[in-house]
Amino acid sequence: MGTERSGFRDGAVDWAIAACVATALLVTGLSGRHSGTSLDLLGYALLAAGGLALAVRRRAPVPVLAVTGLCAVGYQAAGFDVPAVAYLFAVYAAVRAGHRTVTVATSVIMLAALPVAALASGLHDTGEAFAQARGALELAWLIAAGAAGEALRQAERRAEEAERTREETARRRADEERLHIARELHDSLTHQISIIKVQSEVAVHLARRRGEQVPEALLAIQEAGREATRELRATLQALRDDDTTPPRGLDHVRELVEKARTIGLETTLTIEGQRHDVPAAVSRTVYRIVQESLTNVARHAAAATASVRIDYRPDALAIRIDDDGRATPETAPVPGVGLLGMRERVTALGGRLRAEPRSGGGFTVQAELPVDRAS
């Protein structure tokens, strides 16, 4: 919305400037003595066209440079002693846009053509000294217009570089802070959780060796220690990820399926629809959904088979992961960190996620992510 409003404002300013220049040229042209012939009408038309062409100087600086130059030569040849003001504006716009070589070449042609057009129409026949003075003045105005455009172009480039430097500095500081947090977590938590995990497993092992019944609380501590170790490892990996490695996406889903097969989970992958490019964020989200789903199946579902289905639709990408595990509607599991993370990713992209036990047994994860094909 802000960009559209800014573009509308810039367009209005450009049209206002173009109208003012065209009016000034016409008023100057009308102040001369003309007989109203068809040649004079052509001159008036060229004066107006040269000024109004400036309305599109931002979008097409080089064509506007050519049009205003031709109009200036044309109305000079028609006998209108009017300065090439519109061409000076066009020079400024073209140099500001970075077209310095084209502008210099066009200006050289203009400096040669304007005196010829004026002489052909009978203008400026007062002597060689006057012609030289007028040529020097035109050259000075051209240099001034080009210098102004170049100065503003350099100022904008420096502003862009400063903004890019600020972004890079902020990104570097964020990376440093992320790594600092990772080190703190590793130093303060990993050791303590590892001790809890090892001690609980030793206690369970000793109790079973003695033939004693292992208390439920001790088994819960053992499982919590294992889960905390896995979650902490995943958190540290995410914090240490500095985006230097290529992101994982749709092209790597097949690797997840193969990895699941190596641990004894019979997994199939089915891809339907006409494959097309999808945004990088959607591709990464699909990978994370499949990764988390297959990990949960391997850890908790006690499943023998799992299936991954990816469906390319015209305006969306659908993912479905099913397993034949022990989950039932009556024993729906409590959503964990992984499932909550999946839901957050999908919601952030404007999609929908369903994760629930199937009526016939097993668990299903279904997600639909919108795809903007125009992007």
Protein backbone atom coordinates (compact mmCIF):
# COMPACT_ATOMS: atom_id res chain seq x y z
CA MET A 1 0.00 0.00 0.00
CA GLY A 2 2.82 2.41 0.90
CA THR A 3 4.69 1.67 -2.33
CA GLU A 4 1.56 2.23 -4.44
CA ARG A 5 0.88 5.53 -2.67
CA SER A 6 4.48 6.65 -3.19
CA GLY A 7 4.33 5.68 -6.87
CA PHE A 8 1.09 7.63 -7.34
CA ARG A 9 2.63 10.67 -5.65
CA ASP A 10 5.76 10.51 -7.82
CA GLY A 11 3.63 10.16 -10.95
CA ALA A 12 1.54 13.19 -9.99
CA VAL A 13 4.69 15.25 -9.38
CA ASP A 14 6.14 14.19 -12.75
CA TRP A 15 2.97 15.18 -14.59
CA ALA A 16 2.86 18.52 -12.77
CA ILE A 17 6.47 19.27 -13.74
CA ALA A 18 5.82 18.19 -17.33
CA ALA A 19 2.73 20.41 -17.56
CA CYS A 20 4.62 23.41 -16.13
CA VAL A 21 7.53 22.97 -18.56
CA ALA A 22 5.16 22.54 -21.51
CA THR A 23 3.27 25.68 -20.48
CA ALA A 24 6.48 27.67 -20.11
CA LEU A 25 7.68 26.57 -23.53
CA LEU A 26 4.36 27.42 -25.16
CA VAL A 27 4.20 30.85 -23.49
CA THR A 28 7.75 31.60 -24.64
CA GLY A 29 6.90 30.42 -28.14
CA LEU A 30 3.70 32.49 -28.29
CA SER A 31 5.57 35.62 -27.26
CA GLY A 32 7.43 35.58 -30.58
CA ARG A 33 6.14 36.86 -33.86
CA HIS A 34 4.54 34.09 -35.90
CA SER A 35 2.11 34.15 -38.79
CA GLY A 36 0.01 31.11 -37.85
CA THR A 37 1.16 28.94 -40.74
CA SER A 38 1.20 25.16 -40.63
CA LEU A 39 4.92 25.34 -39.81
CA ASP A 40 4.10 27.44 -36.76
CA LEU A 41 1.43 24.97 -35.67
CA LEU A 42 4.03 22.21 -35.93
CA GLY A 43 6.35 24.27 -33.75
CA TYR A 44 3.67 24.70 -31.07
CA ALA A 45 2.97 20.96 -31.15
CA LEU A 46 6.68 20.21 -30.73
CA LEU A 47 6.94 22.65 -27.81
CA ALA A 48 4.04 20.95 -26.03
CA ALA A 49 5.24 17.42 -26.83
CA GLY A 50 8.76 18.14 -25.56
CA GLY A 51 7.43 19.34 -22.24
CA LEU A 52 4.80 16.64 -21.73
CA ALA A 53 7.29 13.87 -22.54
CA LEU A 54 8.94 14.61 -19.18
CA ALA A 55 6.00 12.92 -17.43
CA VAL A 56 7.57 9.51 -18.08
CA ARG A 57 11.23 10.44 -17.58
CA ARG A 58 11.56 8.14 -14.52
CA ARG A 59 10.27 5.05 -16.36
CA ALA A 60 11.93 5.72 -19.74
CA PRO A 61 14.78 8.22 -19.34
CA VAL A 62 16.59 7.39 -22.61
CA PRO A 63 13.51 7.56 -24.88
CA VAL A 64 12.50 10.83 -23.20
CA LEU A 65 16.02 12.16 -23.83
CA ALA A 66 15.65 11.37 -27.53
CA VAL A 67 12.12 12.78 -27.80
CA THR A 68 12.92 16.07 -26.06
CA GLY A 69 16.07 16.48 -28.18
CA LEU A 70 14.19 15.92 -31.44
CA CYS A 71 11.43 18.30 -30.33
CA ALA A 72 14.01 21.00 -29.51
CA VAL A 73 15.70 20.65 -32.89
CA GLY A 74 12.29 20.59 -34.58
CA TYR A 75 10.84 23.77 -33.10
CA GLN A 76 14.17 25.59 -33.61
CA ALA A 77 14.02 24.60 -37.27
CA ALA A 78 10.41 25.84 -37.36
CA GLY A 79 11.63 29.30 -36.29
CA PHE A 80 10.88 29.23 -32.54
CA ASP A 81 13.71 30.79 -30.55
CA VAL A 82 12.93 28.86 -27.36
CA PRO A 83 15.62 27.35 -25.07
CA ALA A 84 15.75 23.55 -24.87
CA VAL A 85 14.53 23.49 -21.26
CA ALA A 86 12.78 20.13 -21.57
CA TYR A 87 15.98 18.57 -22.89
CA LEU A 88 17.89 19.81 -19.84
CA PHE A 89 15.36 18.08 -17.57
CA ALA A 90 15.78 14.92 -19.66
CA VAL A 91 19.59 15.11 -19.33
CA TYR A 92 19.24 15.36 -15.57
CA ALA A 93 16.89 12.34 -15.44
CA ALA A 94 19.02 10.18 -17.75
CA VAL A 95 22.26 10.83 -15.86
CA ARG A 96 20.50 10.22 -12.55
CA ALA A 97 19.35 6.85 -13.91
CA GLY A 98 22.96 5.98 -14.79
CA HIS A 99 22.86 6.47 -18.59
CA ARG A 100 25.90 8.73 -18.76
CA THR A 101 27.42 7.48 -22.03
CA VAL A 102 24.14 7.73 -23.94
CA THR A 103 23.51 11.19 -22.51
CA VAL A 104 26.95 12.49 -23.51
CA ALA A 105 26.61 11.10 -27.05
CA THR A 106 23.11 12.55 -27.46
CA SER A 107 24.20 15.93 -26.09
CA VAL A 108 27.11 16.13 -28.53
CA ILE A 109 24.67 15.54 -31.39
CA MET A 110 22.32 18.16 -29.93
CA LEU A 111 25.08 20.78 -29.65
CA ALA A 112 25.82 20.25 -33.32
CA ALA A 113 22.20 20.09 -34.50
CA LEU A 114 20.72 23.08 -32.66
CA PRO A 115 22.86 25.75 -34.36
CA VAL A 116 22.23 24.17 -37.75
CA ALA A 117 18.46 24.16 -37.12
CA ALA A 118 18.54 27.78 -35.96
CA LEU A 119 20.52 28.93 -38.98
CA ALA A 120 18.23 27.03 -41.34
CA SER A 121 15.22 28.86 -39.96
CA GLY A 122 16.88 32.26 -40.03
CA LEU A 123 17.35 32.56 -36.28
CA HIS A 124 20.58 33.87 -34.72
CA ASP A 125 21.87 35.49 -37.88
CA THR A 126 23.35 38.38 -35.91
CA GLY A 127 26.92 37.18 -36.22
CA GLU A 128 29.46 34.55 -35.34
CA ALA A 129 30.26 36.03 -31.92
CA PHE A 130 26.65 35.76 -30.81
CA ALA A 131 26.44 32.16 -32.04
CA GLN A 132 29.59 31.24 -30.14
CA ALA A 133 28.31 32.87 -26.95
CA ARG A 134 24.98 31.08 -27.25
CA GLY A 135 26.74 27.74 -27.88
CA ALA A 136 28.91 28.22 -24.78
CA LEU A 137 25.81 29.00 -22.72
CA GLU A 138 24.01 25.90 -23.97
CA LEU A 139 27.06 23.78 -23.19
CA ALA A 140 27.24 25.23 -19.67
CA TRP A 141 23.57 24.44 -19.02
CA LEU A 142 24.02 20.89 -20.30
CA ILE A 143 27.03 20.34 -18.03
CA ALA A 144 25.10 21.76 -15.07
CA ALA A 145 22.11 19.49 -15.70
CA GLY A 146 24.34 16.43 -16.07
CA ALA A 147 26.33 17.32 -12.96
CA ALA A 148 23.15 17.70 -10.92
CA GLY A 149 21.90 14.29 -12.07
CA GLU A 150 25.23 12.62 -11.32
CA ALA A 151 25.43 14.24 -7.88
CA LEU A 152 21.98 12.96 -6.94
CA ARG A 153 22.76 9.49 -8.36
CA GLN A 154 25.89 9.26 -6.23
CA ALA A 155 23.99 10.45 -3.16
CA GLU A 156 21.32 7.77 -3.69
CA ARG A 157 24.00 5.10 -4.22
CA ARG A 158 25.74 6.08 -0.99
CA ALA A 159 22.42 5.97 0.84
CA GLU A 160 21.74 2.46 -0.50
CA GLU A 161 25.22 1.32 0.51
CA ALA A 162 24.73 2.76 3.99
CA GLU A 163 21.40 0.95 4.31
CA ARG A 164 22.94 -2.31 3.12
CA THR A 165 25.81 -1.86 5.58
CA ARG A 166 23.35 -1.32 8.42
CA GLU A 167 21.47 -4.49 7.46
CA GLU A 168 24.68 -6.51 7.26
CA THR A 169 25.81 -5.17 10.64
CA ALA A 170 22.47 -6.04 12.23
CA ARG A 171 22.57 -9.53 10.69
CA ARG A 172 26.12 -10.08 11.93
CA ARG A 173 25.19 -8.97 15.44
CA ALA A 174 22.18 -11.28 15.39
CA ASP A 175 24.40 -14.18 14.32
CA GLU A 176 26.87 -13.41 17.08
CA GLU A 177 24.08 -13.23 19.65
CA ARG A 178 22.61 -16.50 18.41
CA LEU A 179 25.96 -18.25 18.73
CA HIS A 180 26.44 -16.76 22.19
CA ILE A 181 23.06 -18.13 23.29
CA ALA A 182 23.97 -21.52 21.83
CA ARG A 183 27.22 -21.59 23.80
CA GLU A 184 25.45 -20.56 27.00
CA LEU A 185 22.80 -23.24 26.55
CA HIS A 186 25.44 -25.85 25.81
CA ASP A 187 27.57 -24.91 28.81
CA SER A 188 24.72 -24.52 31.31
CA LEU A 189 22.17 -27.17 30.28
CA THR A 190 23.77 -29.92 28.23
CA HIS A 191 25.98 -31.17 31.04
CA GLN A 192 23.22 -31.15 33.64
CA ILE A 193 20.67 -32.86 31.38
CA SER A 194 23.24 -35.48 30.40
CA ILE A 195 23.87 -36.27 34.09
CA ILE A 196 20.13 -36.64 34.74
CA LYS A 197 19.74 -38.85 31.68
CA VAL A 198 22.71 -41.10 32.56
CA GLN A 199 21.77 -41.44 36.23
CA SER A 200 18.15 -42.31 35.43
CA GLU A 201 19.21 -44.94 32.88
CA VAL A 202 21.69 -46.44 35.36
CA ALA A 203 19.00 -46.58 38.05
CA VAL A 204 16.55 -48.28 35.65
CA HIS A 205 19.22 -50.75 34.55
CA LEU A 206 20.18 -51.66 38.14
CA ALA A 207 16.56 -52.07 39.20
CA ARG A 208 15.88 -54.46 36.33
CA ARG A 209 19.04 -56.46 37.05
CA ARG A 210 17.89 -56.97 40.63
CA GLY A 211 14.48 -58.05 39.38
CA GLU A 212 12.76 -55.12 41.03
CA GLN A 213 9.82 -53.26 39.57
CA VAL A 214 10.97 -49.98 38.09
CA PRO A 215 8.96 -47.05 39.52
CA GLU A 216 6.86 -45.15 37.01
CA ALA A 217 8.40 -41.89 38.19
CA LEU A 218 11.88 -43.17 37.35
CA LEU A 219 10.77 -44.30 33.89
CA ALA A 220 9.20 -40.87 33.34
CA ILE A 221 12.47 -39.20 34.36
CA GLN A 222 14.37 -41.44 31.96
CA GLU A 223 12.07 -40.62 29.03
CA ALA A 224 12.05 -36.91 29.90
CA GLY A 225 15.84 -36.90 29.94
CA ARG A 226 16.01 -38.50 26.51
CA GLU A 227 13.43 -36.11 25.10
CA ALA A 228 15.15 -33.08 26.66
CA THR A 229 18.47 -34.19 25.15
CA ARG A 230 16.93 -34.48 21.68
CA GLU A 231 15.13 -31.14 21.91
CA LEU A 232 18.21 -29.37 23.23
CA ARG A 233 20.34 -30.83 20.44
CA ALA A 234 17.83 -29.64 17.85
CA THR A 235 17.67 -26.19 19.45
CA LEU A 236 21.43 -25.83 19.49
CA GLN A 237 21.62 -26.93 15.86
CA ALA A 238 19.05 -24.29 14.89
CA LEU A 239 20.88 -21.59 16.83
CA ARG A 240 24.22 -22.48 15.27
CA ASP A 241 22.83 -22.51 11.76
CA ASP A 242 24.45 -19.45 10.13
CA ASP A 243 22.69 -19.88 6.76
CA THR A 244 25.98 -20.78 5.05
CA THR A 245 24.72 -24.21 4.04
CA PRO A 246 22.12 -24.53 1.28
CA PRO A 247 18.59 -24.73 2.72
CA ARG A 248 16.82 -28.08 2.64
CA GLY A 249 13.64 -28.19 0.62
CA LEU A 250 11.40 -30.22 -1.64
CA ASP A 251 14.34 -31.68 -3.55
CA HIS A 252 15.58 -33.30 -0.32
CA VAL A 253 12.33 -34.98 0.76
CA ARG A 254 13.36 -38.20 -0.97
CA GLU A 255 16.45 -38.33 1.27
CA LEU A 256 14.19 -38.23 4.33
CA VAL A 257 12.18 -41.15 2.97
CA GLU A 258 15.34 -43.17 2.29
CA LYS A 259 16.63 -42.39 5.77
CA ALA A 260 13.36 -43.59 7.31
CA ARG A 261 13.70 -46.87 5.40
CA THR A 262 17.19 -47.46 6.80
CA ILE A 263 15.78 -47.55 10.35
CA GLY A 264 13.17 -50.17 9.44
CA LEU A 265 10.17 -47.97 8.66
CA GLU A 266 8.72 -48.98 5.30
CA THR A 267 8.10 -45.58 3.75
CA THR A 268 6.72 -44.63 0.34
CA LEU A 269 6.81 -41.30 -1.49
CA THR A 270 4.15 -40.30 -4.01
CA ILE A 271 4.26 -37.05 -6.02
CA GLU A 272 1.15 -36.02 -7.94
CA GLY A 273 0.27 -33.12 -10.21
CA GLN A 274 2.33 -31.05 -12.61
CA ARG A 275 5.50 -30.06 -10.82
CA HIS A 276 6.23 -26.32 -10.81
CA ASP A 277 8.45 -23.90 -8.95
CA VAL A 278 7.32 -22.91 -5.47
CA PRO A 279 8.59 -20.16 -3.14
CA ALA A 280 11.65 -21.07 -1.10
CA ALA A 281 9.74 -20.64 2.17
CA VAL A 282 7.11 -23.16 1.04
CA SER A 283 9.80 -25.61 -0.05
CA ARG A 284 11.57 -25.40 3.31
CA THR A 285 8.31 -25.79 5.19
CA VAL A 286 7.41 -28.96 3.28
CA TYR A 287 10.79 -30.43 4.14
CA ARG A 288 10.39 -29.60 7.84
CA ILE A 289 6.87 -31.05 7.97
CA VAL A 290 7.98 -34.34 6.41
CA GLN A 291 11.09 -34.45 8.59
CA GLU A 292 9.21 -33.86 11.83
CA SER A 293 6.39 -36.24 10.89
CA LEU A 294 8.69 -39.14 10.03
CA THR A 295 10.77 -38.48 13.14
CA ASN A 296 7.66 -38.65 15.31
CA VAL A 297 6.56 -41.86 13.58
CA ALA A 298 9.93 -43.48 14.25
CA ARG A 299 10.03 -42.37 17.89
CA HIS A 300 6.50 -42.69 19.16
CA ALA A 301 4.11 -44.40 16.75
CA ALA A 302 5.39 -48.00 16.82
CA ALA A 303 4.44 -48.05 13.14
CA ALA A 304 5.56 -50.48 10.45
CA THR A 305 4.70 -48.35 7.41
CA ALA A 306 4.37 -44.70 6.52
CA SER A 307 3.45 -42.86 3.35
CA VAL A 308 4.35 -39.38 2.14
CA ARG A 309 2.20 -37.78 -0.54
CA ILE A 310 2.95 -34.42 -2.20
CA ASP A 311 0.31 -32.96 -4.51
CA TYR A 312 1.16 -30.05 -6.81
CA ARG A 313 -1.98 -27.99 -7.39
CA PRO A 314 -2.34 -24.82 -9.49
CA ASP A 315 -2.53 -22.53 -6.49
CA ALA A 316 -1.38 -24.69 -3.59
CA LEU A 317 0.91 -27.47 -2.49
CA ALA A 318 -0.65 -30.25 -0.42
CA ILE A 319 1.31 -32.63 1.83
CA ARG A 320 0.03 -35.71 3.62
CA ILE A 321 1.94 -38.11 5.86
CA ASP A 322 0.16 -41.23 7.18
CA ASP A 323 1.34 -44.10 9.36
CA ASP A 324 -0.19 -47.32 10.68
CA GLY A 325 0.92 -46.77 14.27
CA ARG A 326 -0.91 -47.23 17.52
CA ALA A 327 -2.59 -43.81 17.69
CA THR A 328 -6.40 -43.82 17.86
CA PRO A 329 -8.98 -41.08 18.26
CA GLU A 330 -9.49 -42.20 21.88
CA THR A 331 -5.76 -41.88 22.67
CA ALA A 332 -4.89 -38.68 20.85
CA PRO A 333 -1.38 -37.57 21.82
CA VAL A 334 -0.70 -34.19 23.44
CA PRO A 335 0.79 -31.84 20.82
CA GLY A 336 4.53 -31.48 21.36
CA VAL A 337 7.08 -28.87 20.37
CA GLY A 338 7.51 -30.38 16.90
CA LEU A 339 3.82 -30.29 16.06
CA LEU A 340 3.46 -26.74 17.39
CA GLY A 341 6.44 -25.70 15.27
CA MET A 342 4.85 -27.21 12.17
CA ARG A 343 1.61 -25.37 12.83
CA GLU A 344 3.44 -22.07 13.28
CA ARG A 345 5.33 -22.52 10.01
CA VAL A 346 2.18 -23.36 8.05
CA THR A 347 0.13 -20.56 9.60
CA ALA A 348 2.89 -18.03 8.84
CA LEU A 349 2.55 -18.91 5.15
CA GLY A 350 -1.23 -18.61 5.20
CA GLY A 351 -1.82 -22.36 5.01
CA ARG A 352 -3.78 -24.96 6.96
CA LEU A 353 -2.57 -27.92 9.01
CA ARG A 354 -4.36 -30.99 10.37
CA ALA A 355 -2.57 -33.44 12.64
CA GLU A 356 -4.71 -36.10 14.29
CA PRO A 357 -5.25 -39.85 14.71
CA ARG A 358 -7.08 -41.62 11.89
CA SER A 359 -10.36 -43.37 12.52
CA GLY A 360 -8.90 -46.68 11.34
CA GLY A 361 -5.78 -46.35 13.46
CA GLY A 362 -2.52 -44.55 12.92
CA PHE A 363 -1.77 -40.84 12.63
CA THR A 364 -2.09 -38.37 9.76
CA VAL A 365 -0.52 -34.99 9.13
CA GLN A 366 -2.06 -32.92 6.34
CA ALA A 367 -0.96 -29.46 5.25
CA GLU A 368 -1.99 -27.17 2.43
CA LEU A 369 0.29 -24.28 1.54
CA PRO A 370 -0.80 -21.54 -0.87
CA VAL A 371 1.51 -20.94 -3.80
CA ASP A 372 1.64 -17.55 -5.54
CA ARG A 373 2.58 -18.56 -9.10
CA ALA A 374 3.07 -14.92 -10.05
CA SER A 375 5.97 -14.61 -7.63
